[in-house]
Amino acid sequence: MGRTTDVLGASHGPSKATERIIKVKGERISCMGEHNDHPKVFYTVPETGFVVCMYCDIKFMRDTGDELD
């Protein structure tokens, strides 16, 4: 489906929680949770920005290929 990136922290300061971001090539995606632990839902990912799953808070954003890994 896409690359997965863990981002530590949040804009509110240091945090032990990780934020799951999945980069995708297409505009339509589905999510069932990291461990298939919620109903399958479908989202449209905007060209800029992201969409967040209402069940598991995974963020999906377009893979623009701009980042170096």
N, C-alpha and C. Protein backbone atom coordinates (compact mmCIF):
# COMPACT_ATOMS: atom_id res chain seq x y z
N MET A 1 0.83 -1.19 0.00
CA MET A 1 0.00 0.00 0.00
C MET A 1 0.87 1.24 0.00
N GLY A 2 1.87 1.33 0.86
CA GLY A 2 2.71 2.51 0.90
C GLY A 2 3.78 2.36 1.96
N ARG A 3 4.62 3.37 2.08
CA ARG A 3 5.65 3.34 3.10
C ARG A 3 5.07 3.78 4.43
N THR A 4 5.62 3.24 5.51
CA THR A 4 5.18 3.60 6.85
C THR A 4 6.31 4.31 7.57
N THR A 5 6.00 5.39 8.23
CA THR A 5 6.99 6.17 8.96
C THR A 5 6.48 6.41 10.37
N ASP A 6 7.35 6.18 11.36
CA ASP A 6 7.01 6.51 12.74
C ASP A 6 7.64 7.86 13.06
N VAL A 7 6.84 8.76 13.59
CA VAL A 7 7.31 10.09 13.95
C VAL A 7 7.16 10.23 15.45
N LEU A 8 8.26 10.49 16.13
CA LEU A 8 8.21 10.65 17.59
C LEU A 8 7.82 12.06 17.95
N GLY A 9 7.09 12.17 19.03
CA GLY A 9 6.73 13.48 19.54
C GLY A 9 5.50 14.06 18.88
N ALA A 10 5.21 15.27 19.25
CA ALA A 10 4.06 15.97 18.71
C ALA A 10 4.37 17.46 18.73
N SER A 11 3.50 18.24 18.15
CA SER A 11 3.74 19.68 18.10
C SER A 11 3.62 20.32 19.48
N HIS A 12 3.10 19.59 20.45
CA HIS A 12 2.90 20.13 21.79
C HIS A 12 4.09 19.82 22.70
N GLY A 13 5.19 19.31 22.15
CA GLY A 13 6.36 19.01 22.95
C GLY A 13 6.70 17.54 22.91
N PRO A 14 7.72 17.13 23.63
CA PRO A 14 8.16 15.73 23.62
C PRO A 14 7.06 14.79 24.09
N SER A 15 7.03 13.63 23.49
CA SER A 15 6.02 12.64 23.84
C SER A 15 6.59 11.26 23.61
N LYS A 16 6.15 10.28 24.39
CA LYS A 16 6.58 8.90 24.20
C LYS A 16 5.74 8.20 23.16
N ALA A 17 4.64 8.80 22.76
CA ALA A 17 3.76 8.20 21.76
C ALA A 17 4.35 8.36 20.38
N THR A 18 4.05 7.40 19.52
CA THR A 18 4.48 7.51 18.13
C THR A 18 3.26 7.80 17.27
N GLU A 19 3.52 8.46 16.18
CA GLU A 19 2.47 8.79 15.24
C GLU A 19 2.73 7.96 13.98
N ARG A 20 1.75 7.19 13.55
CA ARG A 20 1.90 6.33 12.37
C ARG A 20 1.46 7.10 11.14
N ILE A 21 2.39 7.26 10.19
CA ILE A 21 2.10 7.93 8.93
C ILE A 21 2.38 6.95 7.80
N ILE A 22 1.39 6.74 6.94
CA ILE A 22 1.56 5.86 5.80
C ILE A 22 1.47 6.69 4.53
N LYS A 23 2.54 6.63 3.73
CA LYS A 23 2.57 7.38 2.48
C LYS A 23 2.05 6.49 1.36
N VAL A 24 1.12 7.02 0.58
CA VAL A 24 0.47 6.24 -0.47
C VAL A 24 0.60 6.95 -1.82
N LYS A 25 0.54 6.18 -2.89
CA LYS A 25 0.65 6.74 -4.24
C LYS A 25 -0.70 7.20 -4.77
N GLY A 26 -1.76 6.47 -4.46
CA GLY A 26 -3.08 6.79 -5.01
C GLY A 26 -3.90 7.69 -4.12
N GLU A 27 -5.08 8.04 -4.62
CA GLU A 27 -5.94 8.96 -3.87
C GLU A 27 -6.92 8.22 -2.96
N ARG A 28 -7.32 6.99 -3.29
CA ARG A 28 -8.26 6.22 -2.46
C ARG A 28 -7.52 5.14 -1.70
N ILE A 29 -7.79 5.05 -0.39
CA ILE A 29 -7.17 4.03 0.45
C ILE A 29 -8.23 3.41 1.35
N SER A 30 -7.88 2.27 1.91
CA SER A 30 -8.74 1.67 2.94
C SER A 30 -7.88 1.41 4.17
N CYS A 31 -8.52 1.37 5.32
CA CYS A 31 -7.82 1.11 6.57
C CYS A 31 -8.64 0.15 7.42
N MET A 32 -7.95 -0.81 8.01
CA MET A 32 -8.56 -1.74 8.97
C MET A 32 -7.77 -1.75 10.27
N GLY A 33 -6.90 -0.77 10.45
CA GLY A 33 -6.07 -0.70 11.64
C GLY A 33 -4.75 -1.40 11.43
N GLU A 34 -3.82 -1.10 12.31
CA GLU A 34 -2.49 -1.69 12.22
C GLU A 34 -2.52 -3.21 12.38
N HIS A 35 -3.48 -3.70 13.14
CA HIS A 35 -3.58 -5.14 13.40
C HIS A 35 -4.94 -5.68 12.96
N ASN A 36 -5.53 -5.06 11.93
CA ASN A 36 -6.87 -5.45 11.45
C ASN A 36 -7.87 -5.49 12.60
N ASP A 37 -7.86 -4.44 13.42
CA ASP A 37 -8.66 -4.43 14.63
C ASP A 37 -9.84 -3.46 14.60
N HIS A 38 -10.22 -3.00 13.40
CA HIS A 38 -11.44 -2.20 13.31
C HIS A 38 -12.07 -2.42 11.93
N PRO A 39 -13.32 -2.01 11.77
CA PRO A 39 -13.99 -2.21 10.48
C PRO A 39 -13.22 -1.53 9.34
N LYS A 40 -13.33 -2.07 8.16
CA LYS A 40 -12.68 -1.50 6.99
C LYS A 40 -13.38 -0.20 6.60
N VAL A 41 -12.60 0.87 6.52
CA VAL A 41 -13.13 2.17 6.12
C VAL A 41 -12.31 2.69 4.94
N PHE A 42 -12.92 3.53 4.12
CA PHE A 42 -12.27 4.07 2.94
C PHE A 42 -12.13 5.58 3.06
N TYR A 43 -11.02 6.10 2.56
CA TYR A 43 -10.75 7.53 2.61
C TYR A 43 -10.19 8.00 1.28
N THR A 44 -10.36 9.29 1.01
CA THR A 44 -9.73 9.95 -0.12
C THR A 44 -8.60 10.81 0.43
N VAL A 45 -7.38 10.55 -0.05
CA VAL A 45 -6.21 11.27 0.43
C VAL A 45 -5.99 12.48 -0.47
N PRO A 46 -5.96 13.69 0.11
CA PRO A 46 -5.76 14.88 -0.72
C PRO A 46 -4.33 14.93 -1.27
N GLU A 47 -4.12 15.69 -2.34
CA GLU A 47 -2.79 15.80 -2.93
C GLU A 47 -1.80 16.45 -1.98
N THR A 48 -2.28 17.38 -1.18
CA THR A 48 -1.44 17.97 -0.14
C THR A 48 -2.15 17.76 1.19
N GLY A 49 -1.40 17.63 2.24
CA GLY A 49 -2.01 17.36 3.54
C GLY A 49 -2.16 15.87 3.78
N PHE A 50 -3.14 15.52 4.59
CA PHE A 50 -3.31 14.12 4.98
C PHE A 50 -4.75 13.87 5.41
N VAL A 51 -5.07 12.59 5.62
CA VAL A 51 -6.35 12.19 6.17
C VAL A 51 -6.03 11.26 7.35
N VAL A 52 -6.84 11.33 8.41
CA VAL A 52 -6.61 10.53 9.61
C VAL A 52 -7.75 9.55 9.79
N CYS A 53 -7.42 8.28 10.02
CA CYS A 53 -8.44 7.26 10.25
C CYS A 53 -9.19 7.57 11.54
N MET A 54 -10.50 7.56 11.47
CA MET A 54 -11.31 7.91 12.64
C MET A 54 -11.29 6.83 13.72
N TYR A 55 -10.83 5.62 13.39
CA TYR A 55 -10.76 4.53 14.38
C TYR A 55 -9.40 4.43 15.06
N CYS A 56 -8.33 4.50 14.28
CA CYS A 56 -7.01 4.18 14.84
C CYS A 56 -6.01 5.33 14.77
N ASP A 57 -6.40 6.46 14.22
CA ASP A 57 -5.56 7.66 14.15
C ASP A 57 -4.33 7.52 13.25
N ILE A 58 -4.28 6.49 12.40
CA ILE A 58 -3.20 6.41 11.41
C ILE A 58 -3.40 7.53 10.40
N LYS A 59 -2.32 8.23 10.06
CA LYS A 59 -2.38 9.30 9.06
C LYS A 59 -1.96 8.74 7.71
N PHE A 60 -2.69 9.11 6.68
CA PHE A 60 -2.34 8.73 5.31
C PHE A 60 -2.06 10.01 4.54
N MET A 61 -0.91 10.03 3.85
CA MET A 61 -0.58 11.19 3.03
C MET A 61 0.02 10.71 1.72
N ARG A 62 -0.04 11.55 0.69
CA ARG A 62 0.49 11.20 -0.63
C ARG A 62 2.01 11.13 -0.59
N ASP A 63 2.55 10.14 -1.26
CA ASP A 63 3.99 10.01 -1.42
C ASP A 63 4.39 10.81 -2.65
N THR A 64 5.01 11.95 -2.41
CA THR A 64 5.38 12.82 -3.52
C THR A 64 6.76 12.48 -4.06
N GLY A 65 7.51 11.63 -3.35
CA GLY A 65 8.85 11.26 -3.78
C GLY A 65 9.88 12.33 -3.52
N ASP A 66 9.52 13.38 -2.79
CA ASP A 66 10.42 14.50 -2.52
C ASP A 66 11.44 14.18 -1.42
N GLU A 67 11.11 13.27 -0.53
CA GLU A 67 11.98 13.00 0.62
C GLU A 67 13.07 12.01 0.25
N LEU A 68 14.23 12.18 0.87
CA LEU A 68 15.32 11.22 0.73
C LEU A 68 15.30 10.31 1.94
N ASP A 69 15.38 9.00 1.70
CA ASP A 69 15.37 8.04 2.82
C ASP A 69 16.75 7.61 3.19
